Protein backbone atom coordinates (compact mmCIF):
# COMPACT_ATOMS: atom_id res chain seq x y z
CA MET A 1 -10.57 84.65 38.33
CA PHE A 2 -7.43 86.91 38.75
CA SER A 3 -9.38 89.99 37.54
CA SER A 4 -11.97 89.50 40.15
CA VAL A 5 -9.20 88.96 42.78
CA ALA A 6 -7.47 92.00 41.84
CA HIS A 7 -10.97 94.03 42.12
CA LEU A 8 -11.58 92.54 45.61
CA ALA A 9 -8.20 93.33 46.67
CA ARG A 10 -8.76 97.15 46.50
CA ALA A 11 -11.22 96.64 49.51
CA ASN A 12 -9.05 94.16 51.24
CA PRO A 13 -8.32 95.09 54.87
CA PHE A 14 -4.81 93.79 54.23
CA ASN A 15 -4.20 96.31 51.53
CA ALA A 16 -1.12 98.10 52.34
CA PRO A 17 -1.32 101.45 50.77
CA HIS A 18 -4.83 101.95 52.06
CA LEU A 19 -3.88 100.92 55.71
CA LEU A 20 -0.68 103.10 55.76
CA LEU A 21 -2.57 106.09 54.51
CA VAL A 22 -5.38 105.78 57.09
CA GLN A 23 -2.87 105.13 59.87
CA ASP A 24 -0.68 108.11 58.92
CA GLY A 25 -3.75 110.47 58.74
CA LEU A 26 -3.34 111.04 55.01
CA THR A 27 -6.80 110.27 53.85
CA GLY A 28 -9.76 112.07 54.83
CA PRO A 29 -12.97 113.85 53.63
CA ARG A 30 -12.47 115.74 50.44
CA SER A 31 -12.10 119.46 50.72
CA ASN A 32 -14.82 121.72 49.88
CA PRO A 33 -14.35 122.98 46.20
CA ALA A 34 -15.60 126.52 47.18
CA GLY A 35 -13.17 126.78 50.17
CA PRO A 36 -9.79 127.95 50.07
CA PRO A 37 -6.96 125.59 49.00
CA GLY A 38 -4.99 124.58 52.12
CA PRO A 39 -4.10 121.50 54.05
CA PRO A 40 -6.60 119.19 52.66
CA ARG A 41 -5.06 119.67 49.26
CA ARG A 42 -1.63 118.94 50.80
CA SER A 43 -2.96 115.79 52.21
CA ARG A 44 -4.19 114.57 48.84
CA ASN A 45 -0.76 115.30 47.31
CA LEU A 46 0.91 113.45 50.11
CA ALA A 47 -1.41 110.53 49.69
CA ALA A 48 -0.77 110.45 46.00
CA ALA A 49 2.99 110.47 46.55
CA ALA A 50 2.58 107.67 49.10
CA VAL A 51 0.69 105.39 46.55
CA GLU A 52 3.06 106.20 43.87
CA GLU A 53 6.03 104.86 45.93
CA TYR A 54 4.95 101.22 45.04
CA SER A 55 5.59 99.75 41.64
CA CYS A 56 2.12 98.13 41.42
CA GLU A 57 -1.22 97.90 43.23
CA TYR A 58 -1.90 95.47 45.99
CA GLY A 59 -3.52 92.42 44.57
CA SER A 60 -2.81 93.22 40.95
CA MET A 61 -1.50 90.44 38.46
CA LYS A 62 1.90 92.13 38.67
CA PHE A 63 1.88 91.86 42.46
CA TYR A 64 1.04 88.30 42.30
CA ALA A 65 3.67 87.53 39.65
CA LEU A 66 6.46 89.14 41.57
CA CYS A 67 5.46 87.45 44.86
CA GLY A 68 5.56 84.17 42.78
CA PHE A 69 9.12 85.08 41.56
CA GLY A 70 10.12 85.91 45.20
CA GLY A 71 8.96 82.42 46.06
CA VAL A 72 10.87 80.85 43.35
CA LEU A 73 14.22 82.54 44.62
CA SER A 74 13.49 82.01 48.42
CA CYS A 75 12.71 78.34 48.08
CA GLY A 76 14.78 77.34 45.17
CA LEU A 77 18.08 78.90 46.54
CA THR A 78 17.67 77.99 49.98
CA HIS A 79 16.93 74.36 49.80
CA THR A 80 19.69 73.92 47.22
CA ALA A 81 22.15 75.66 49.56
CA VAL A 82 21.38 73.08 52.38
CA VAL A 83 21.44 69.99 50.07
CA PRO A 84 24.42 68.40 51.97
CA LEU A 85 22.48 68.65 55.26
CA ASP A 86 19.38 67.38 53.73
CA LEU A 87 21.20 64.46 52.23
CA VAL A 88 22.63 63.39 55.45
CA LYS A 89 19.10 63.84 57.09
CA CYS A 90 17.35 61.55 54.55
CA ARG A 91 20.03 58.91 55.07
CA MET A 92 19.61 58.98 58.80
CA GLN A 93 16.00 58.51 58.33
CA VAL A 94 16.27 55.55 55.96
CA ASP A 95 19.39 53.69 57.32
CA PRO A 96 19.79 54.75 61.10
CA GLN A 97 22.12 51.85 61.67
CA LYS A 98 24.57 53.12 59.28
CA TYR A 99 24.20 56.78 59.84
CA LYS A 100 23.97 57.10 63.51
CA GLY A 101 23.96 60.97 63.78
CA ILE A 102 24.59 64.14 61.94
CA PHE A 103 28.28 64.38 62.50
CA ASN A 104 28.72 60.57 61.78
CA GLY A 105 26.42 60.87 58.67
CA PHE A 106 28.72 63.60 57.35
CA SER A 107 31.80 61.51 58.05
CA VAL A 108 30.44 58.45 56.51
CA THR A 109 29.29 60.24 53.45
CA LEU A 110 32.59 62.09 52.88
CA LYS A 111 34.44 58.86 53.30
CA GLU A 112 32.31 56.90 50.73
CA ASP A 113 31.36 59.56 48.22
CA GLY A 114 33.85 62.48 48.82
CA VAL A 115 32.88 66.02 48.79
CA ARG A 116 31.11 65.79 45.42
CA GLY A 117 28.84 63.26 47.19
CA LEU A 118 27.35 65.96 49.51
CA ALA A 119 25.94 67.69 46.39
CA LYS A 120 23.89 64.62 45.33
CA GLY A 121 20.35 65.50 44.34
CA TRP A 122 21.09 69.25 43.89
CA ALA A 123 19.20 69.52 40.45
CA PRO A 124 15.89 67.96 41.41
CA THR A 125 16.10 70.03 44.70
CA PHE A 126 16.55 73.20 42.86
CA ILE A 127 13.70 72.68 40.19
CA GLY A 128 11.29 71.00 42.59
CA TYR A 129 11.49 73.70 45.33
CA SER A 130 11.64 76.56 42.92
CA MET A 131 8.19 75.37 41.59
CA GLN A 132 7.01 74.79 45.02
CA GLY A 133 8.11 78.28 46.06
CA LEU A 134 6.19 79.85 43.06
CA CYS A 135 2.96 78.22 44.19
CA LYS A 136 3.40 78.51 47.86
CA PHE A 137 4.05 82.21 48.15
CA GLY A 138 2.21 83.25 45.07
CA PHE A 139 -1.02 81.52 45.93
CA TYR A 140 -0.74 82.31 49.46
CA GLU A 141 -1.22 86.03 48.56
CA VAL A 142 -4.13 85.02 46.25
CA PHE A 143 -5.87 83.13 49.00
CA LYS A 144 -5.35 85.57 51.66
CA VAL A 145 -7.10 88.30 49.51
CA LEU A 146 -9.77 85.83 48.60
CA TYR A 147 -10.55 84.60 52.27
CA SER A 148 -10.20 88.14 53.84
CA ASN A 149 -12.75 89.49 51.54
CA MET A 150 -15.03 86.59 51.98
CA LEU A 151 -14.86 87.24 55.93
CA GLY A 152 -15.04 91.07 55.71
CA GLU A 153 -12.74 93.62 57.21
CA GLU A 154 -13.82 93.03 60.93
CA ASN A 155 -13.76 89.18 60.89
CA ALA A 156 -10.72 89.15 58.89
CA TYR A 157 -8.98 90.92 61.87
CA LEU A 158 -10.71 88.86 64.51
CA TRP A 159 -9.94 85.59 62.59
CA ARG A 160 -6.51 86.42 61.07
CA THR A 161 -4.89 83.32 62.51
CA SER A 162 -7.41 81.06 60.93
CA LEU A 163 -7.17 83.23 57.77
CA TYR A 164 -3.32 82.66 57.57
CA LEU A 165 -3.90 78.89 58.20
CA ALA A 166 -6.59 78.56 55.61
CA ALA A 167 -4.64 80.58 53.02
CA SER A 168 -1.31 78.74 53.60
CA ALA A 169 -2.93 75.33 53.46
CA SER A 170 -4.76 76.02 50.29
CA ALA A 171 -1.56 77.28 48.41
CA GLU A 172 0.54 74.27 49.84
CA PHE A 173 -1.98 71.82 48.35
CA PHE A 174 -1.05 72.96 44.91
CA ALA A 175 2.64 73.57 45.74
CA ASP A 176 3.10 69.91 46.68
CA ILE A 177 1.69 68.75 43.39
CA ALA A 178 4.36 70.64 41.58
CA LEU A 179 7.04 69.40 44.04
CA ALA A 180 6.34 65.67 44.14
CA PRO A 181 7.97 64.54 41.02
CA MET A 182 11.38 66.32 41.80
CA GLU A 183 11.17 65.29 45.53
CA ALA A 184 10.71 61.40 44.49
CA ALA A 185 13.77 61.72 42.13
CA LYS A 186 15.87 63.66 44.82
CA VAL A 187 15.18 60.87 47.49
CA ARG A 188 16.03 58.16 45.08
CA ILE A 189 19.48 59.83 44.27
CA GLN A 190 20.38 60.67 47.75
CA THR A 191 19.30 57.31 49.61
CA GLN A 192 19.88 54.56 47.02
CA PRO A 193 23.73 54.18 46.42
CA GLY A 194 24.29 53.07 42.86
CA TYR A 195 20.69 53.81 41.66
CA ALA A 196 21.55 57.26 39.85
CA ASN A 197 23.88 60.12 40.28
CA THR A 198 22.00 62.67 38.22
CA LEU A 199 18.30 63.70 37.51
CA ARG A 200 18.90 62.67 33.83
CA ASP A 201 19.73 59.17 34.99
CA ALA A 202 17.03 58.89 37.81
CA ALA A 203 13.94 60.24 36.03
CA PRO A 204 13.95 57.71 32.91
CA LYS A 205 14.74 54.93 35.22
CA MET A 206 11.88 55.60 37.57
CA TYR A 207 9.47 55.98 34.85
CA LYS A 208 10.65 52.55 33.20
CA GLU A 209 10.14 50.92 36.58
CA GLU A 210 7.00 52.20 37.90
CA GLY A 211 5.50 54.64 35.45
CA LEU A 212 4.02 58.09 36.54
CA LYS A 213 3.20 56.39 39.85
CA ALA A 214 6.86 56.58 40.79
CA PHE A 215 6.78 60.43 40.70
CA TYR A 216 3.39 60.98 42.64
CA LYS A 217 3.03 58.10 44.98
CA GLY A 218 4.69 60.37 47.59
CA VAL A 219 2.23 63.35 47.08
CA ALA A 220 -0.07 62.28 49.85
CA PRO A 221 2.68 62.02 52.48
CA LEU A 222 3.89 65.18 51.01
CA TRP A 223 0.70 66.86 51.90
CA MET A 224 0.88 65.30 55.53
CA ARG A 225 4.39 66.86 55.79
CA GLN A 226 4.19 70.19 53.87
CA ILE A 227 0.60 71.30 54.72
CA PRO A 228 1.10 71.34 58.51
CA TYR A 229 4.66 72.78 57.96
CA THR A 230 3.29 75.60 55.71
CA MET A 231 0.52 76.35 57.89
CA MET A 232 2.85 76.82 60.77
CA LYS A 233 5.43 78.65 58.68
CA PHE A 234 2.94 81.32 57.55
CA ALA A 235 0.72 81.66 60.60
CA CYS A 236 3.62 81.52 63.20
CA PHE A 237 5.45 84.04 61.06
CA GLU A 238 2.73 86.59 60.65
CA ARG A 239 1.71 86.35 64.43
CA THR A 240 5.54 86.56 65.49
CA VAL A 241 6.18 89.63 63.30
CA GLU A 242 2.98 91.10 64.96
CA ALA A 243 4.21 90.27 68.48
CA LEU A 244 7.91 91.57 67.80
CA TYR A 245 6.71 94.91 66.72
CA LYS A 246 4.33 95.19 69.64
CA PHE A 247 6.51 94.07 72.47
CA VAL A 248 10.00 93.97 71.35
CA VAL A 249 10.88 96.52 68.66
CA PRO A 250 11.22 99.97 70.53
CA LYS A 251 9.42 101.91 67.85
CA PRO A 252 6.69 101.56 65.26
CA ARG A 253 7.29 99.59 62.11
CA SER A 254 6.56 102.85 60.05
CA GLU A 255 9.60 104.46 61.84
CA CYS A 256 11.89 101.42 61.11
CA SER A 257 14.22 101.38 58.12
CA LYS A 258 14.08 98.70 55.54
CA ALA A 259 17.25 97.08 56.93
CA GLU A 260 15.65 97.00 60.47
CA GLN A 261 12.32 95.69 59.07
CA LEU A 262 14.37 92.81 57.31
CA VAL A 263 16.22 91.89 60.65
CA VAL A 264 12.60 91.44 62.21
CA THR A 265 11.64 89.30 59.25
CA PHE A 266 14.75 87.08 59.73
CA VAL A 267 13.95 86.61 63.41
CA ALA A 268 10.32 85.88 63.07
CA GLY A 269 11.29 83.56 60.21
CA TYR A 270 13.81 81.47 62.33
CA ILE A 271 11.15 81.19 65.26
CA ALA A 272 8.67 80.04 62.75
CA GLY A 273 11.07 77.68 61.24
CA VAL A 274 11.67 75.82 64.56
CA PHE A 275 7.94 74.95 65.22
CA CYS A 276 7.73 73.99 61.36
CA ALA A 277 10.44 71.31 61.76
CA ILE A 278 8.78 69.75 64.88
CA VAL A 279 5.28 69.61 63.48
CA SER A 280 6.27 68.14 59.99
CA HIS A 281 9.14 65.82 60.84
CA PRO A 282 7.27 62.43 61.37
CA ALA A 283 5.73 62.85 57.85
CA ASP A 284 9.20 63.78 56.51
CA SER A 285 10.49 60.60 57.86
CA VAL A 286 7.77 58.51 56.04
CA VAL A 287 8.42 60.56 52.75
CA SER A 288 12.01 59.63 52.84
CA VAL A 289 11.45 55.95 53.40
CA LEU A 290 8.49 55.66 50.98
CA ASN A 291 10.32 57.16 48.05
CA LYS A 292 13.38 54.87 48.70
CA GLU A 293 11.31 51.54 48.59
CA LYS A 294 9.16 50.08 46.01
CA GLY A 295 5.69 48.80 46.73
CA SER A 296 5.35 50.33 50.24
CA SER A 297 2.38 52.41 51.42
CA ALA A 298 2.65 55.35 53.77
CA SER A 299 0.75 53.32 56.56
CA GLN A 300 3.03 50.42 56.29
CA VAL A 301 6.22 52.68 56.41
CA LEU A 302 4.67 54.53 59.49
CA GLN A 303 3.87 51.32 61.40
CA ARG A 304 7.31 49.77 60.68
CA LEU A 305 9.17 52.92 61.93
CA GLY A 306 7.08 53.36 65.00
CA PHE A 307 7.04 56.46 67.32
CA LYS A 308 10.68 56.55 67.90
CA GLY A 309 11.73 55.95 64.28
CA VAL A 310 9.70 58.76 62.96
CA TRP A 311 11.67 61.34 65.17
CA LYS A 312 15.23 60.20 63.73
CA GLY A 313 17.10 63.17 62.45
CA LEU A 314 15.00 65.81 64.16
CA PHE A 315 18.05 67.78 65.42
CA ALA A 316 19.49 68.06 62.05
CA ARG A 317 16.06 69.05 60.55
CA ILE A 318 15.62 71.76 63.01
CA ILE A 319 18.86 73.27 62.27
CA MET A 320 18.16 73.09 58.47
CA ILE A 321 14.46 74.13 58.59
CA GLY A 322 15.13 76.93 61.03
CA THR A 323 17.84 78.45 58.98
CA LEU A 324 15.86 77.81 55.68
CA THR A 325 12.68 79.40 56.86
CA ALA A 326 14.46 82.48 58.22
CA LEU A 327 16.29 82.86 55.01
CA GLN A 328 13.34 82.11 52.76
CA TRP A 329 11.30 84.96 54.57
CA PHE A 330 14.28 87.31 54.47
CA ILE A 331 14.75 86.64 50.61
CA TYR A 332 10.92 86.94 49.93
CA ASP A 333 10.72 90.13 51.88
CA SER A 334 13.87 91.54 50.15
CA VAL A 335 12.35 90.66 46.70
CA LYS A 336 9.19 92.69 47.81
CA VAL A 337 11.48 95.73 48.95
CA TYR A 338 13.41 95.76 45.71
CA PHE A 339 10.56 95.57 43.34
CA ARG A 340 8.82 98.15 45.61
CA LEU A 341 5.77 95.97 46.25
CA PRO A 342 3.10 96.73 48.94
CA ARG A 343 4.18 95.28 52.17
CA PRO A 344 1.30 95.38 54.54
CA PRO A 345 1.94 96.50 58.19
CA PRO A 346 1.01 94.46 61.15
CA PRO A 347 -2.88 94.25 61.25
CA GLU A 348 -4.74 96.68 63.49
CA MET A 349 -8.27 96.47 64.76
CA PRO A 350 -10.65 98.38 62.44
CA GLU A 351 -12.28 101.53 63.77
CA SER A 352 -15.60 100.09 63.20
CA LEU A 353 -14.79 97.15 65.58
CA LYS A 354 -13.26 99.52 68.13
CA LYS A 355 -16.55 101.32 68.24
CA LYS A 356 -18.50 98.05 68.60
CA LEU A 357 -16.32 97.03 71.42
CA GLY A 358 -16.51 100.35 73.18
CA LEU A 359 -12.79 100.96 73.04
CA THR A 360 -13.19 104.53 71.32
CA GLN A 361 -15.51 107.50 72.19
């Protein structure tokens, strides 16, 4: 499968080295062997140098592996860093009478559990979201190549938002299967006082009480929460980056330094994160309550919470997810810069489509 994906990636319209070379005018017809060596030869040398600046080919196994590693770092580290805020948010969702707001939630938690109590659930958070990040970012790149080649160059440009949505939804489907067991353990540790303080205590206890079902009963609500979240995260980010370079940044991306490009990444990530938090919050409330209770179904929890109940803790989640998403994209893009991976520029209309639309002579 992956070998065929790598082959398709060479013709993929999102292939960064190819796009960059075409846009910079470094590719063109081969020079006549009988003619004198001149500018065409120089162009070929420049093109070779431009390709060699990357550590691997776009769509290669090494490319996907390093993208997956970037996902591990971006999701695992960031989610672990905001465990205290996540803990308070979850407690507000499952016990709104006791934890009346974000600041009250922190106050009550510190009073009852001390500073160490704010770190409850860090281990399943780190393990679970590292696995999720591996699948989320790694498979997104895979599906993006697959779907863009299925559509063809022109349709991939015209339907690029749908492409981002489809690729991210497909990746998140598998990412949530990897996340579900650790998410279930995390919520038990954070929201059930006295149940367990560590993953080592929680996992055997959950298995003894409910078997494997305890770890995967929340996977459907996770899909409800994470798939819309991830679709918004990737599609909004991609289109926001495109808009920032088009309307806000005063110079083309190719003229921006790596640091300037990473600032654009961070800003676009934060904007995407705010929308992500809003679209996924109702399902997040259901997951938090469902993993706390035994024997309840997602529909029963949703009916009991009602419209007002599912929006409890939204402000805390906007702060958390906005910061989280911005940092995740920043770390992921930084990993690509560090390992010299191909980083496609914002897509531009193919020349063939411009001719069809009468935009060129």
